[in-house]
C-alpha atoms as a PDB file:
ATOM      1  CA  MET A   1     -13.871  11.369  16.563  1.00  0.00           C
ATOM      2  CA  LEU A   2     -10.895   9.612  15.443  1.00  0.00           C
ATOM      3  CA  CYS A   3      -9.069  11.228  12.899  1.00  0.00           C
ATOM      4  CA  LEU A   4      -7.064   9.345  10.504  1.00  0.00           C
ATOM      5  CA  ILE A   5      -4.501  10.060   8.198  1.00  0.00           C
ATOM      6  CA  ILE A   6      -2.838   8.585   5.678  1.00  0.00           C
ATOM      7  CA  VAL A   7       0.980   8.173   5.244  1.00  0.00           C
ATOM      8  CA  ILE A   8       1.893   7.549   1.473  1.00  0.00           C
ATOM      9  CA  ASN A   9       4.607   5.175   0.978  1.00  0.00           C
ATOM     10  CA  LEU A  10       6.806   5.902  -2.104  1.00  0.00           C
ATOM     11  CA  PHE A  11      10.074   3.239  -2.749  1.00  0.00           C
ATOM     12  CA  ASP A  12      13.336   4.938  -4.444  1.00  0.00           C
ATOM     13  CA  THR A  13      13.810   8.156  -2.852  1.00  0.00           C
ATOM     14  CA  THR A  14      15.704   8.927  -6.691  1.00  0.00           C
ATOM     15  CA  PHE A  15      12.788   7.830  -8.668  1.00  0.00           C
ATOM     16  CA  TRP A  16      10.023   9.685  -6.780  1.00  0.00           C
ATOM     17  CA  ASN A  17      12.343  13.046  -6.575  1.00  0.00           C
ATOM     18  CA  GLU A  18      12.812  13.094 -10.269  1.00  0.00           C
ATOM     19  CA  VAL A  19       9.024  12.384 -11.429  1.00  0.00           C
ATOM     20  CA  ILE A  20       7.266  14.198  -9.230  1.00  0.00           C
ATOM     21  CA  ASN A  21       9.103  17.965  -7.501  1.00  0.00           C
ATOM     22  CA  PHE A  22       7.698  17.980  -4.542  1.00  0.00           C
ATOM     23  CA  LYS A  23       9.049  21.409  -3.402  1.00  0.00           C
ATOM     24  CA  ALA A  24       8.177  23.137  -6.340  1.00  0.00           C
ATOM     25  CA  LEU A  25       4.333  22.057  -5.860  1.00  0.00           C
ATOM     26  CA  GLN A  26       4.737  23.378  -2.791  1.00  0.00           C
ATOM     27  CA  GLU A  27       6.030  26.678  -3.473  1.00  0.00           C
ATOM     28  CA  TYR A  28       3.385  26.992  -6.336  1.00  0.00           C
ATOM     29  CA  GLY A  29       0.929  26.591  -3.500  1.00  0.00           C
ATOM     30  CA  VAL A  30      -0.359  23.177  -5.310  1.00  0.00           C
ATOM     31  CA  ILE A  31       0.224  21.372  -2.018  1.00  0.00           C
ATOM     32  CA  ARG A  32       0.986  22.949   1.264  1.00  0.00           C
ATOM     33  CA  PRO A  33       3.852  21.766   3.606  1.00  0.00           C
ATOM     34  CA  ASP A  34       2.206  20.320   5.883  1.00  0.00           C
ATOM     35  CA  ASP A  35       1.139  18.169   3.005  1.00  0.00           C
ATOM     36  CA  LEU A  36       4.426  16.907   2.141  1.00  0.00           C
ATOM     37  CA  LYS A  37       4.078  15.282   5.842  1.00  0.00           C
ATOM     38  CA  LEU A  38       1.460  12.914   4.370  1.00  0.00           C
ATOM     39  CA  PHE A  39       4.010  11.034   2.048  1.00  0.00           C
ATOM     40  CA  LYS A  40       7.437   8.249   3.115  1.00  0.00           C
ATOM     41  CA  ILE A  41      10.232   7.932   0.592  1.00  0.00           C
ATOM     42  CA  ILE A  42      11.714   5.054   1.702  1.00  0.00           C
ATOM     43  CA  ASP A  43      14.717   3.603  -0.056  1.00  0.00           C
ATOM     44  CA  ASP A  44      15.163   0.145   2.219  1.00  0.00           C
ATOM     45  CA  VAL A  45      12.438  -2.452   2.173  1.00  0.00           C
ATOM     46  CA  ASP A  46      13.254  -3.207   5.400  1.00  0.00           C
ATOM     47  CA  LYS A  47      12.810   0.225   6.941  1.00  0.00           C
ATOM     48  CA  ALA A  48       9.513   0.652   5.031  1.00  0.00           C
ATOM     49  CA  PHE A  49       8.540  -2.711   6.621  1.00  0.00           C
ATOM     50  CA  GLU A  50       9.250  -1.213   9.901  1.00  0.00           C
ATOM     51  CA  TYR A  51       7.725   2.285   9.341  1.00  0.00           C
ATOM     52  CA  ILE A  52       4.932   0.780   8.362  1.00  0.00           C
ATOM     53  CA  THR A  53       4.048  -1.854  11.290  1.00  0.00           C
ATOM     54  CA  GLY A  54       5.138   0.290  13.421  1.00  0.00           C
ATOM     55  CA  GLN A  55       2.666   2.952  12.210  1.00  0.00           C
ATOM     56  CA  LEU A  56       0.126   0.603  12.813  1.00  0.00           C
ATOM     57  CA  LYS A  57       0.988  -0.793  16.036  1.00  0.00           C
ATOM     58  CA  LYS A  58       0.909   2.874  17.117  1.00  0.00           C
ATOM     59  CA  LEU A  59      -2.688   2.983  15.308  1.00  0.00           C
ATOM     60  CA  TYR A  60      -4.000   0.318  16.030  1.00  0.00           C
ATOM     61  CA  LEU A  61      -2.683  -1.268  19.822  1.00  0.00           C
ATOM     62  CA  GLY A  62      -1.404   1.917  21.440  1.00  0.00           C
ATOM     63  CA  SER A  63       1.942   2.922  22.200  1.00  0.00           C
ATOM     64  CA  GLU A  64       2.190   0.617  25.221  1.00  0.00           C
ATOM     65  CA  ARG A  65       2.670  -2.555  23.281  1.00  0.00           C
END
């Protein structure tokens, strides 16, 4: 059975940390600490592209490619 976890990529750390207090959500038990791994906040477009394409290659092409 394949378990696919989708990571949500958010652009602009300053914006997202101001709009959503991820740490408070965790502290109040709204989300689990592991849920924070479902969010990837990136400030650089090239790094975001590298991360997304790297994850797609890993998931769908295997680690040998």
